Amino acid sequence: MVWFFDFEKFYVAAKKLFFSNPLKTRFLFKYRNCDGKVVLKVTDDQVCLKIATKYSQDLKHIKRINNLFIQSMANKDLQTHQKETSQVQNKKKKVRAKH
């Protein structure tokens, strides 16, 4: 688990993680009322990226990251491309296993 303290670095790392494996990557955020914190998490079950904030000024950063994931996850071209890529990789693995 990697904790970030800078939203720009978190945004770049989250974007890179998502586009490397879009069908397995999840994005979630949680508001903890008792602490007054928002925790953002991006994971693909192998890599986990997190950032936490309690400042209202960071809402524009949260909105930017949220928009990235909502738009990307709703994009059918990205999902089709990922499925085709995974099928090609599976065929390569089968060919390598035969040799």
PDB file of N, CA and C in Angstrom:
ATOM      1  N   MET A   1       0.842  -1.166   0.000  1.00  0.00           N
ATOM      2  CA  MET A   1       0.000   0.000   0.000  1.00  0.00           C
ATOM      3  C   MET A   1       0.891   1.234   0.000  1.00  0.00           C
ATOM      4  N   VAL A   2       0.598   2.113  -0.920  1.00  0.00           N
ATOM      5  CA  VAL A   2       1.378   3.335  -1.062  1.00  0.00           C
ATOM      6  C   VAL A   2       0.495   4.525  -0.690  1.00  0.00           C
ATOM      7  N   TRP A   3       0.934   5.300   0.280  1.00  0.00           N
ATOM      8  CA  TRP A   3       0.234   6.519   0.673  1.00  0.00           C
ATOM      9  C   TRP A   3       0.871   7.711  -0.025  1.00  0.00           C
ATOM     10  N   PHE A   4       0.040   8.586  -0.568  1.00  0.00           N
ATOM     11  CA  PHE A   4       0.510   9.800  -1.217  1.00  0.00           C
ATOM     12  C   PHE A   4       0.127  11.005  -0.377  1.00  0.00           C
ATOM     13  N   PHE A   5       0.916  12.061  -0.510  1.00  0.00           N
ATOM     14  CA  PHE A   5       0.634  13.313   0.185  1.00  0.00           C
ATOM     15  C   PHE A   5       0.422  14.466  -0.791  1.00  0.00           C
ATOM     16  N   ASP A   6       0.582  14.174  -2.093  1.00  0.00           N
ATOM     17  CA  ASP A   6       0.427  15.169  -3.143  1.00  0.00           C
ATOM     18  C   ASP A   6      -0.606  14.649  -4.144  1.00  0.00           C
ATOM     19  N   PHE A   7      -1.643  15.434  -4.418  1.00  0.00           N
ATOM     20  CA  PHE A   7      -2.703  14.993  -5.308  1.00  0.00           C
ATOM     21  C   PHE A   7      -2.232  14.790  -6.740  1.00  0.00           C
ATOM     22  N   GLU A   8      -1.319  15.614  -7.213  1.00  0.00           N
ATOM     23  CA  GLU A   8      -0.830  15.454  -8.591  1.00  0.00           C
ATOM     24  C   GLU A   8      -0.128  14.109  -8.775  1.00  0.00           C
ATOM     25  N   LYS A   9       0.725  13.761  -7.826  1.00  0.00           N
ATOM     26  CA  LYS A   9       1.423  12.476  -7.910  1.00  0.00           C
ATOM     27  C   LYS A   9       0.430  11.320  -7.804  1.00  0.00           C
ATOM     28  N   PHE A  10      -0.557  11.448  -6.934  1.00  0.00           N
ATOM     29  CA  PHE A  10      -1.580  10.420  -6.802  1.00  0.00           C
ATOM     30  C   PHE A  10      -2.373  10.290  -8.097  1.00  0.00           C
ATOM     31  N   TYR A  11      -2.746  11.401  -8.709  1.00  0.00           N
ATOM     32  CA  TYR A  11      -3.515  11.396  -9.951  1.00  0.00           C
ATOM     33  C   TYR A  11      -2.755  10.683 -11.062  1.00  0.00           C
ATOM     34  N   VAL A  12      -1.482  11.007 -11.210  1.00  0.00           N
ATOM     35  CA  VAL A  12      -0.665  10.390 -12.261  1.00  0.00           C
ATOM     36  C   VAL A  12      -0.514   8.888 -12.016  1.00  0.00           C
ATOM     37  N   ALA A  13      -0.239   8.494 -10.781  1.00  0.00           N
ATOM     38  CA  ALA A  13      -0.065   7.077 -10.455  1.00  0.00           C
ATOM     39  C   ALA A  13      -1.380   6.310 -10.629  1.00  0.00           C
ATOM     40  N   ALA A  14      -2.498   6.910 -10.226  1.00  0.00           N
ATOM     41  CA  ALA A  14      -3.796   6.259 -10.363  1.00  0.00           C
ATOM     42  C   ALA A  14      -4.180   6.091 -11.828  1.00  0.00           C
ATOM     43  N   LYS A  15      -3.912   7.099 -12.617  1.00  0.00           N
ATOM     44  CA  LYS A  15      -4.208   7.036 -14.051  1.00  0.00           C
ATOM     45  C   LYS A  15      -3.373   5.945 -14.719  1.00  0.00           C
ATOM     46  N   LYS A  16      -2.111   5.889 -14.369  1.00  0.00           N
ATOM     47  CA  LYS A  16      -1.217   4.867 -14.931  1.00  0.00           C
ATOM     48  C   LYS A  16      -1.682   3.466 -14.528  1.00  0.00           C
ATOM     49  N   LEU A  17      -2.050   3.298 -13.275  1.00  0.00           N
ATOM     50  CA  LEU A  17      -2.530   2.005 -12.787  1.00  0.00           C
ATOM     51  C   LEU A  17      -3.816   1.605 -13.494  1.00  0.00           C
ATOM     52  N   PHE A  18      -4.731   2.542 -13.649  1.00  0.00           N
ATOM     53  CA  PHE A  18      -6.000   2.230 -14.298  1.00  0.00           C
ATOM     54  C   PHE A  18      -5.803   1.815 -15.745  1.00  0.00           C
ATOM     55  N   PHE A  19      -5.017   2.554 -16.495  1.00  0.00           N
ATOM     56  CA  PHE A  19      -4.861   2.250 -17.908  1.00  0.00           C
ATOM     57  C   PHE A  19      -3.988   1.022 -18.157  1.00  0.00           C
ATOM     58  N   SER A  20      -3.253   0.575 -17.161  1.00  0.00           N
ATOM     59  CA  SER A  20      -2.489  -0.664 -17.328  1.00  0.00           C
ATOM     60  C   SER A  20      -3.401  -1.886 -17.220  1.00  0.00           C
ATOM     61  N   ASN A  21      -4.491  -1.786 -16.460  1.00  0.00           N
ATOM     62  CA  ASN A  21      -5.419  -2.904 -16.304  1.00  0.00           C
ATOM     63  C   ASN A  21      -6.804  -2.376 -15.933  1.00  0.00           C
ATOM     64  N   PRO A  22      -7.552  -1.834 -16.893  1.00  0.00           N
ATOM     65  CA  PRO A  22      -8.808  -1.153 -16.575  1.00  0.00           C
ATOM     66  C   PRO A  22      -9.929  -2.056 -16.068  1.00  0.00           C
ATOM     67  N   LEU A  23      -9.934  -3.319 -16.435  1.00  0.00           N
ATOM     68  CA  LEU A  23     -11.028  -4.186 -16.004  1.00  0.00           C
ATOM     69  C   LEU A  23     -10.872  -4.688 -14.573  1.00  0.00           C
ATOM     70  N   LYS A  24      -9.684  -4.618 -14.023  1.00  0.00           N
ATOM     71  CA  LYS A  24      -9.471  -5.080 -12.659  1.00  0.00           C
ATOM     72  C   LYS A  24      -9.263  -3.949 -11.659  1.00  0.00           C
ATOM     73  N   THR A  25      -9.129  -2.740 -12.144  1.00  0.00           N
ATOM     74  CA  THR A  25      -8.845  -1.613 -11.260  1.00  0.00           C
ATOM     75  C   THR A  25     -10.140  -1.048 -10.687  1.00  0.00           C
ATOM     76  N   ARG A  26     -10.098  -0.773  -9.385  1.00  0.00           N
ATOM     77  CA  ARG A  26     -11.238  -0.196  -8.687  1.00  0.00           C
ATOM     78  C   ARG A  26     -10.838   1.127  -8.057  1.00  0.00           C
ATOM     79  N   PHE A  27     -11.809   2.035  -8.010  1.00  0.00           N
ATOM     80  CA  PHE A  27     -11.612   3.340  -7.381  1.00  0.00           C
ATOM     81  C   PHE A  27     -12.718   3.529  -6.362  1.00  0.00           C
ATOM     82  N   LEU A  28     -12.350   3.899  -5.157  1.00  0.00           N
ATOM     83  CA  LEU A  28     -13.363   4.186  -4.165  1.00  0.00           C
ATOM     84  C   LEU A  28     -12.906   5.304  -3.260  1.00  0.00           C
ATOM     85  N   PHE A  29     -13.869   5.956  -2.677  1.00  0.00           N
ATOM     86  CA  PHE A  29     -13.542   6.954  -1.668  1.00  0.00           C
ATOM     87  C   PHE A  29     -14.508   6.821  -0.511  1.00  0.00           C
ATOM     88  N   LYS A  30     -14.007   7.159   0.647  1.00  0.00           N
ATOM     89  CA  LYS A  30     -14.761   6.966   1.873  1.00  0.00           C
ATOM     90  C   LYS A  30     -14.624   8.226   2.714  1.00  0.00           C
ATOM     91  N   TYR A  31     -15.751   8.677   3.230  1.00  0.00           N
ATOM     92  CA  TYR A  31     -15.747   9.818   4.138  1.00  0.00           C
ATOM     93  C   TYR A  31     -15.919   9.308   5.557  1.00  0.00           C
ATOM     94  N   ARG A  32     -14.997   9.681   6.415  1.00  0.00           N
ATOM     95  CA  ARG A  32     -15.071   9.297   7.824  1.00  0.00           C
ATOM     96  C   ARG A  32     -15.515  10.520   8.618  1.00  0.00           C
ATOM     97  N   ASN A  33     -16.763  10.515   9.024  1.00  0.00           N
ATOM     98  CA  ASN A  33     -17.330  11.660   9.726  1.00  0.00           C
ATOM     99  C   ASN A  33     -16.639  11.911  11.069  1.00  0.00           C
ATOM    100  N   CYS A  34     -16.258  10.844  11.760  1.00  0.00           N
ATOM    101  CA  CYS A  34     -15.630  11.021  13.077  1.00  0.00           C
ATOM    102  C   CYS A  34     -14.278  11.743  12.961  1.00  0.00           C
ATOM    103  N   ASP A  35     -13.560  11.524  11.860  1.00  0.00           N
ATOM    104  CA  ASP A  35     -12.276  12.194  11.646  1.00  0.00           C
ATOM    105  C   ASP A  35     -12.403  13.436  10.773  1.00  0.00           C
ATOM    106  N   GLY A  36     -13.483  13.498  10.001  1.00  0.00           N
ATOM    107  CA  GLY A  36     -13.634  14.587   9.046  1.00  0.00           C
ATOM    108  C   GLY A  36     -12.692  14.422   7.863  1.00  0.00           C
ATOM    109  N   LYS A  37     -12.358  13.173   7.509  1.00  0.00           N
ATOM    110  CA  LYS A  37     -11.412  12.893   6.429  1.00  0.00           C
ATOM    111  C   LYS A  37     -12.097  12.198   5.262  1.00  0.00           C
ATOM    112  N   VAL A  38     -11.542  12.442   4.084  1.00  0.00           N
ATOM    113  CA  VAL A  38     -11.913  11.704   2.885  1.00  0.00           C
ATOM    114  C   VAL A  38     -10.689  10.891   2.485  1.00  0.00           C
ATOM    115  N   VAL A  39     -10.892   9.590   2.272  1.00  0.00           N
ATOM    116  CA  VAL A  39      -9.810   8.708   1.857  1.00  0.00           C
ATOM    117  C   VAL A  39     -10.126   8.199   0.459  1.00  0.00           C
ATOM    118  N   LEU A  40      -9.217   8.404  -0.481  1.00  0.00           N
ATOM    119  CA  LEU A  40      -9.354   7.908  -1.844  1.00  0.00           C
ATOM    120  C   LEU A  40      -8.445   6.705  -2.003  1.00  0.00           C
ATOM    121  N   LYS A  41      -8.943   5.686  -2.701  1.00  0.00           N
ATOM    122  CA  LYS A  41      -8.170   4.457  -2.873  1.00  0.00           C
ATOM    123  C   LYS A  41      -8.339   3.968  -4.300  1.00  0.00           C
ATOM    124  N   VAL A  42      -7.231   3.583  -4.939  1.00  0.00           N
ATOM    125  CA  VAL A  42      -7.233   2.966  -6.256  1.00  0.00           C
ATOM    126  C   VAL A  42      -6.435   1.682  -6.133  1.00  0.00           C
ATOM    127  N   THR A  43      -7.031   0.559  -6.564  1.00  0.00           N
ATOM    128  CA  THR A  43      -6.354  -0.723  -6.423  1.00  0.00           C
ATOM    129  C   THR A  43      -6.697  -1.655  -7.578  1.00  0.00           C
ATOM    130  N   ASP A  44      -5.761  -2.532  -7.886  1.00  0.00           N
ATOM    131  CA  ASP A  44      -6.011  -3.624  -8.827  1.00  0.00           C
ATOM    132  C   ASP A  44      -5.731  -4.966  -8.154  1.00  0.00           C
ATOM    133  N   ASP A  45      -5.788  -5.021  -6.850  1.00  0.00           N
ATOM    134  CA  ASP A  45      -5.537  -6.174  -5.982  1.00  0.00           C
ATOM    135  C   ASP A  45      -4.067  -6.543  -5.872  1.00  0.00           C
ATOM    136  N   GLN A  46      -3.209  -5.887  -6.606  1.00  0.00           N
ATOM    137  CA  GLN A  46      -1.771  -6.088  -6.465  1.00  0.00           C
ATOM    138  C   GLN A  46      -1.108  -4.820  -5.965  1.00  0.00           C
ATOM    139  N   VAL A  47      -1.563  -3.701  -6.473  1.00  0.00           N
ATOM    140  CA  VAL A  47      -1.046  -2.393  -6.082  1.00  0.00           C
ATOM    141  C   VAL A  47      -2.202  -1.602  -5.482  1.00  0.00           C
ATOM    142  N   CYS A  48      -1.942  -0.945  -4.377  1.00  0.00           N
ATOM    143  CA  CYS A  48      -2.965  -0.142  -3.697  1.00  0.00           C
ATOM    144  C   CYS A  48      -2.408   1.262  -3.470  1.00  0.00           C
ATOM    145  N   LEU A  49      -3.089   2.261  -4.023  1.00  0.00           N
ATOM    146  CA  LEU A  49      -2.686   3.654  -3.883  1.00  0.00           C
ATOM    147  C   LEU A  49      -3.729   4.371  -3.030  1.00  0.00           C
ATOM    148  N   LYS A  50      -3.287   5.145  -2.049  1.00  0.00           N
ATOM    149  CA  LYS A  50      -4.213   5.847  -1.158  1.00  0.00           C
ATOM    150  C   LYS A  50      -3.755   7.279  -0.910  1.00  0.00           C
ATOM    151  N   ILE A  51      -4.753   8.106  -0.665  1.00  0.00           N
ATOM    152  CA  ILE A  51      -4.490   9.477  -0.243  1.00  0.00           C
ATOM    153  C   ILE A  51      -5.644   9.892   0.678  1.00  0.00           C
ATOM    154  N   ALA A  52      -5.348  10.677   1.676  1.00  0.00           N
ATOM    155  CA  ALA A  52      -6.368  11.146   2.617  1.00  0.00           C
ATOM    156  C   ALA A  52      -6.249  12.656   2.766  1.00  0.00           C
ATOM    157  N   THR A  53      -7.385  13.290   2.952  1.00  0.00           N
ATOM    158  CA  THR A  53      -7.398  14.729   3.160  1.00  0.00           C
ATOM    159  C   THR A  53      -8.561  15.110   4.066  1.00  0.00           C
ATOM    160  N   LYS A  54      -8.405  16.216   4.736  1.00  0.00           N
ATOM    161  CA  LYS A  54      -9.501  16.742   5.553  1.00  0.00           C
ATOM    162  C   LYS A  54      -9.790  18.198   5.214  1.00  0.00           C
ATOM    163  N   TYR A  55      -9.227  18.683   4.118  1.00  0.00           N
ATOM    164  CA  TYR A  55      -9.383  20.080   3.727  1.00  0.00           C
ATOM    165  C   TYR A  55     -10.399  20.217   2.607  1.00  0.00           C
ATOM    166  N   SER A  56     -11.295  21.172   2.741  1.00  0.00           N
ATOM    167  CA  SER A  56     -12.327  21.376   1.733  1.00  0.00           C
ATOM    168  C   SER A  56     -11.751  21.915   0.421  1.00  0.00           C
ATOM    169  N   GLN A  57     -10.564  22.489   0.465  1.00  0.00           N
ATOM    170  CA  GLN A  57      -9.942  22.993  -0.755  1.00  0.00           C
ATOM    171  C   GLN A  57      -9.569  21.856  -1.714  1.00  0.00           C
ATOM    172  N   ASP A  58      -9.445  20.649  -1.205  1.00  0.00           N
ATOM    173  CA  ASP A  58      -9.055  19.510  -2.034  1.00  0.00           C
ATOM    174  C   ASP A  58     -10.225  18.892  -2.787  1.00  0.00           C
ATOM    175  N   LEU A  59     -11.417  19.448  -2.639  1.00  0.00           N
ATOM    176  CA  LEU A  59     -12.574  18.911  -3.342  1.00  0.00           C
ATOM    177  C   LEU A  59     -12.412  18.977  -4.855  1.00  0.00           C
ATOM    178  N   LYS A  60     -11.757  20.005  -5.361  1.00  0.00           N
ATOM    179  CA  LYS A  60     -11.563  20.094  -6.813  1.00  0.00           C
ATOM    180  C   LYS A  60     -10.668  18.963  -7.301  1.00  0.00           C
ATOM    181  N   HIS A  61      -9.701  18.528  -6.492  1.00  0.00           N
ATOM    182  CA  HIS A  61      -8.843  17.399  -6.862  1.00  0.00           C
ATOM    183  C   HIS A  61      -9.638  16.090  -6.845  1.00  0.00           C
ATOM    184  N   ILE A  62     -10.487  15.946  -5.838  1.00  0.00           N
ATOM    185  CA  ILE A  62     -11.319  14.743  -5.739  1.00  0.00           C
ATOM    186  C   ILE A  62     -12.266  14.672  -6.940  1.00  0.00           C
ATOM    187  N   LYS A  63     -12.833  15.800  -7.307  1.00  0.00           N
ATOM    188  CA  LYS A  63     -13.735  15.853  -8.457  1.00  0.00           C
ATOM    189  C   LYS A  63     -12.996  15.489  -9.740  1.00  0.00           C
ATOM    190  N   ARG A  64     -11.776  15.955  -9.891  1.00  0.00           N
ATOM    191  CA  ARG A  64     -10.972  15.668 -11.087  1.00  0.00           C
ATOM    192  C   ARG A  64     -10.676  14.174 -11.199  1.00  0.00           C
ATOM    193  N   ILE A  65     -10.281  13.550 -10.098  1.00  0.00           N
ATOM    194  CA  ILE A  65      -9.977  12.115 -10.111  1.00  0.00           C
ATOM    195  C   ILE A  65     -11.251  11.310 -10.349  1.00  0.00           C
ATOM    196  N   ASN A  66     -12.328  11.710  -9.711  1.00  0.00           N
ATOM    197  CA  ASN A  66     -13.605  11.030  -9.893  1.00  0.00           C
ATOM    198  C   ASN A  66     -14.058  11.094 -11.343  1.00  0.00           C
ATOM    199  N   ASN A  67     -13.939  12.245 -11.974  1.00  0.00           N
ATOM    200  CA  ASN A  67     -14.324  12.401 -13.376  1.00  0.00           C
ATOM    201  C   ASN A  67     -13.479  11.512 -14.288  1.00  0.00           C
ATOM    202  N   LEU A  68     -12.192  11.407 -14.007  1.00  0.00           N
ATOM    203  CA  LEU A  68     -11.314  10.542 -14.803  1.00  0.00           C
ATOM    204  C   LEU A  68     -11.835   9.108 -14.791  1.00  0.00           C
ATOM    205  N   PHE A  69     -12.141   8.592 -13.617  1.00  0.00           N
ATOM    206  CA  PHE A  69     -12.561   7.201 -13.515  1.00  0.00           C
ATOM    207  C   PHE A  69     -13.964   6.979 -14.077  1.00  0.00           C
ATOM    208  N   ILE A  70     -14.869   7.900 -13.843  1.00  0.00           N
ATOM    209  CA  ILE A  70     -16.240   7.729 -14.353  1.00  0.00           C
ATOM    210  C   ILE A  70     -16.232   7.746 -15.883  1.00  0.00           C
ATOM    211  N   GLN A  71     -15.519   8.683 -16.470  1.00  0.00           N
ATOM    212  CA  GLN A  71     -15.478   8.768 -17.927  1.00  0.00           C
ATOM    213  C   GLN A  71     -14.757   7.568 -18.531  1.00  0.00           C
ATOM    214  N   SER A  72     -13.678   7.156 -17.914  1.00  0.00           N
ATOM    215  CA  SER A  72     -12.905   6.038 -18.452  1.00  0.00           C
ATOM    216  C   SER A  72     -13.646   4.714 -18.305  1.00  0.00           C
ATOM    217  N   MET A  73     -14.316   4.520 -17.198  1.00  0.00           N
ATOM    218  CA  MET A  73     -15.033   3.263 -16.980  1.00  0.00           C
ATOM    219  C   MET A  73     -16.263   3.150 -17.866  1.00  0.00           C
ATOM    220  N   ALA A  74     -16.822   4.262 -18.281  1.00  0.00           N
ATOM    221  CA  ALA A  74     -18.005   4.248 -19.138  1.00  0.00           C
ATOM    222  C   ALA A  74     -17.637   4.163 -20.616  1.00  0.00           C
ATOM    223  N   ASN A  75     -16.365   4.238 -20.933  1.00  0.00           N
ATOM    224  CA  ASN A  75     -15.899   4.225 -22.315  1.00  0.00           C
ATOM    225  C   ASN A  75     -15.878   2.801 -22.847  1.00  0.00           C
ATOM    226  N   LYS A  76     -16.731   2.479 -23.803  1.00  0.00           N
ATOM    227  CA  LYS A  76     -16.806   1.128 -24.353  1.00  0.00           C
ATOM    228  C   LYS A  76     -15.552   0.768 -25.151  1.00  0.00           C
ATOM    229  N   ASP A  77     -14.939   1.733 -25.810  1.00  0.00           N
ATOM    230  CA  ASP A  77     -13.744   1.452 -26.594  1.00  0.00           C
ATOM    231  C   ASP A  77     -12.618   0.933 -25.716  1.00  0.00           C
ATOM    232  N   LEU A  78     -12.472   1.478 -24.541  1.00  0.00           N
ATOM    233  CA  LEU A  78     -11.431   1.050 -23.613  1.00  0.00           C
ATOM    234  C   LEU A  78     -11.680  -0.381 -23.154  1.00  0.00           C
ATOM    235  N   GLN A  79     -12.921  -0.723 -22.855  1.00  0.00           N
ATOM    236  CA  GLN A  79     -13.244  -2.074 -22.418  1.00  0.00           C
ATOM    237  C   GLN A  79     -13.039  -3.083 -23.536  1.00  0.00           C
ATOM    238  N   THR A  80     -13.433  -2.746 -24.770  1.00  0.00           N
ATOM    239  CA  THR A  80     -13.220  -3.629 -25.907  1.00  0.00           C
ATOM    240  C   THR A  80     -11.739  -3.838 -26.144  1.00  0.00           C
ATOM    241  N   HIS A  81     -10.971  -2.773 -26.076  1.00  0.00           N
ATOM    242  CA  HIS A  81      -9.526  -2.859 -26.268  1.00  0.00           C
ATOM    243  C   HIS A  81      -8.891  -3.749 -25.200  1.00  0.00           C
ATOM    244  N   GLN A  82      -9.314  -3.617 -23.964  1.00  0.00           N
ATOM    245  CA  GLN A  82      -8.748  -4.415 -22.869  1.00  0.00           C
ATOM    246  C   GLN A  82      -9.077  -5.895 -23.062  1.00  0.00           C
ATOM    247  N   LYS A  83     -10.295  -6.219 -23.478  1.00  0.00           N
ATOM    248  CA  LYS A  83     -10.676  -7.615 -23.691  1.00  0.00           C
ATOM    249  C   LYS A  83      -9.857  -8.233 -24.821  1.00  0.00           C
ATOM    250  N   GLU A  84      -9.671  -7.483 -25.904  1.00  0.00           N
ATOM    251  CA  GLU A  84      -8.878  -7.989 -27.024  1.00  0.00           C
ATOM    252  C   GLU A  84      -7.432  -8.196 -26.601  1.00  0.00           C
ATOM    253  N   THR A  85      -6.891  -7.267 -25.837  1.00  0.00           N
ATOM    254  CA  THR A  85      -5.513  -7.376 -25.363  1.00  0.00           C
ATOM    255  C   THR A  85      -5.345  -8.585 -24.456  1.00  0.00           C
ATOM    256  N   SER A  86      -6.288  -8.821 -23.564  1.00  0.00           N
ATOM    257  CA  SER A  86      -6.182  -9.969 -22.659  1.00  0.00           C
ATOM    258  C   SER A  86      -6.312 -11.281 -23.414  1.00  0.00           C
ATOM    259  N   GLN A  87      -7.131 -11.335 -24.474  1.00  0.00           N
ATOM    260  CA  GLN A  87      -7.253 -12.543 -25.273  1.00  0.00           C
ATOM    261  C   GLN A  87      -5.946 -12.841 -26.001  1.00  0.00           C
ATOM    262  N   VAL A  88      -5.297 -11.821 -26.540  1.00  0.00           N
ATOM    263  CA  VAL A  88      -4.011 -12.002 -27.219  1.00  0.00           C
ATOM    264  C   VAL A  88      -2.956 -12.478 -26.231  1.00  0.00           C
ATOM    265  N   GLN A  89      -2.933 -11.914 -25.032  1.00  0.00           N
ATOM    266  CA  GLN A  89      -1.963 -12.329 -24.025  1.00  0.00           C
ATOM    267  C   GLN A  89      -2.199 -13.771 -23.598  1.00  0.00           C
ATOM    268  N   ASN A  90      -3.450 -14.186 -23.480  1.00  0.00           N
ATOM    269  CA  ASN A  90      -3.754 -15.570 -23.113  1.00  0.00           C
ATOM    270  C   ASN A  90      -3.293 -16.536 -24.198  1.00  0.00           C
ATOM    271  N   LYS A  91      -3.463 -16.150 -25.464  1.00  0.00           N
ATOM    272  CA  LYS A  91      -3.002 -17.007 -26.568  1.00  0.00           C
ATOM    273  C   LYS A  91      -1.485 -17.141 -26.549  1.00  0.00           C
ATOM    274  N   LYS A  92      -0.789 -16.052 -26.263  1.00  0.00           N
ATOM    275  CA  LYS A  92       0.681 -16.096 -26.184  1.00  0.00           C
ATOM    276  C   LYS A  92       1.128 -17.003 -25.055  1.00  0.00           C
ATOM    277  N   LYS A  93       0.439 -16.957 -23.926  1.00  0.00           N
ATOM    278  CA  LYS A  93       0.790 -17.816 -22.793  1.00  0.00           C
ATOM    279  C   LYS A  93       0.593 -19.284 -23.142  1.00  0.00           C
ATOM    280  N   LYS A  94      -0.489 -19.586 -23.862  1.00  0.00           N
ATOM    281  CA  LYS A  94      -0.748 -20.966 -24.254  1.00  0.00           C
ATOM    282  C   LYS A  94       0.319 -21.471 -25.222  1.00  0.00           C
ATOM    283  N   VAL A  95       0.751 -20.614 -26.143  1.00  0.00           N
ATOM    284  CA  VAL A  95       1.780 -20.988 -27.099  1.00  0.00           C
ATOM    285  C   VAL A  95       3.099 -21.232 -26.373  1.00  0.00           C
ATOM    286  N   ARG A  96       3.443 -20.375 -25.425  1.00  0.00           N
ATOM    287  CA  ARG A  96       4.674 -20.532 -24.650  1.00  0.00           C
ATOM    288  C   ARG A  96       4.631 -21.800 -23.806  1.00  0.00           C
ATOM    289  N   ALA A  97       3.461 -22.132 -23.274  1.00  0.00           N
ATOM    290  CA  ALA A  97       3.339 -23.316 -22.415  1.00  0.00           C
ATOM    291  C   ALA A  97       3.521 -24.599 -23.229  1.00  0.00           C
ATOM    292  N   LYS A  98       3.139 -24.595 -24.509  1.00  0.00           N
ATOM    293  CA  LYS A  98       3.303 -25.771 -25.367  1.00  0.00           C
ATOM    294  C   LYS A  98       4.772 -26.028 -25.699  1.00  0.00           C
ATOM    295  N   HIS A  99       5.574 -24.962 -25.746  1.00  0.00           N
ATOM    296  CA  HIS A  99       6.994 -25.132 -26.122  1.00  0.00           C
ATOM    297  C   HIS A  99       7.799 -25.456 -24.960  1.00  0.00           C
TER     298      HIS A  99
END
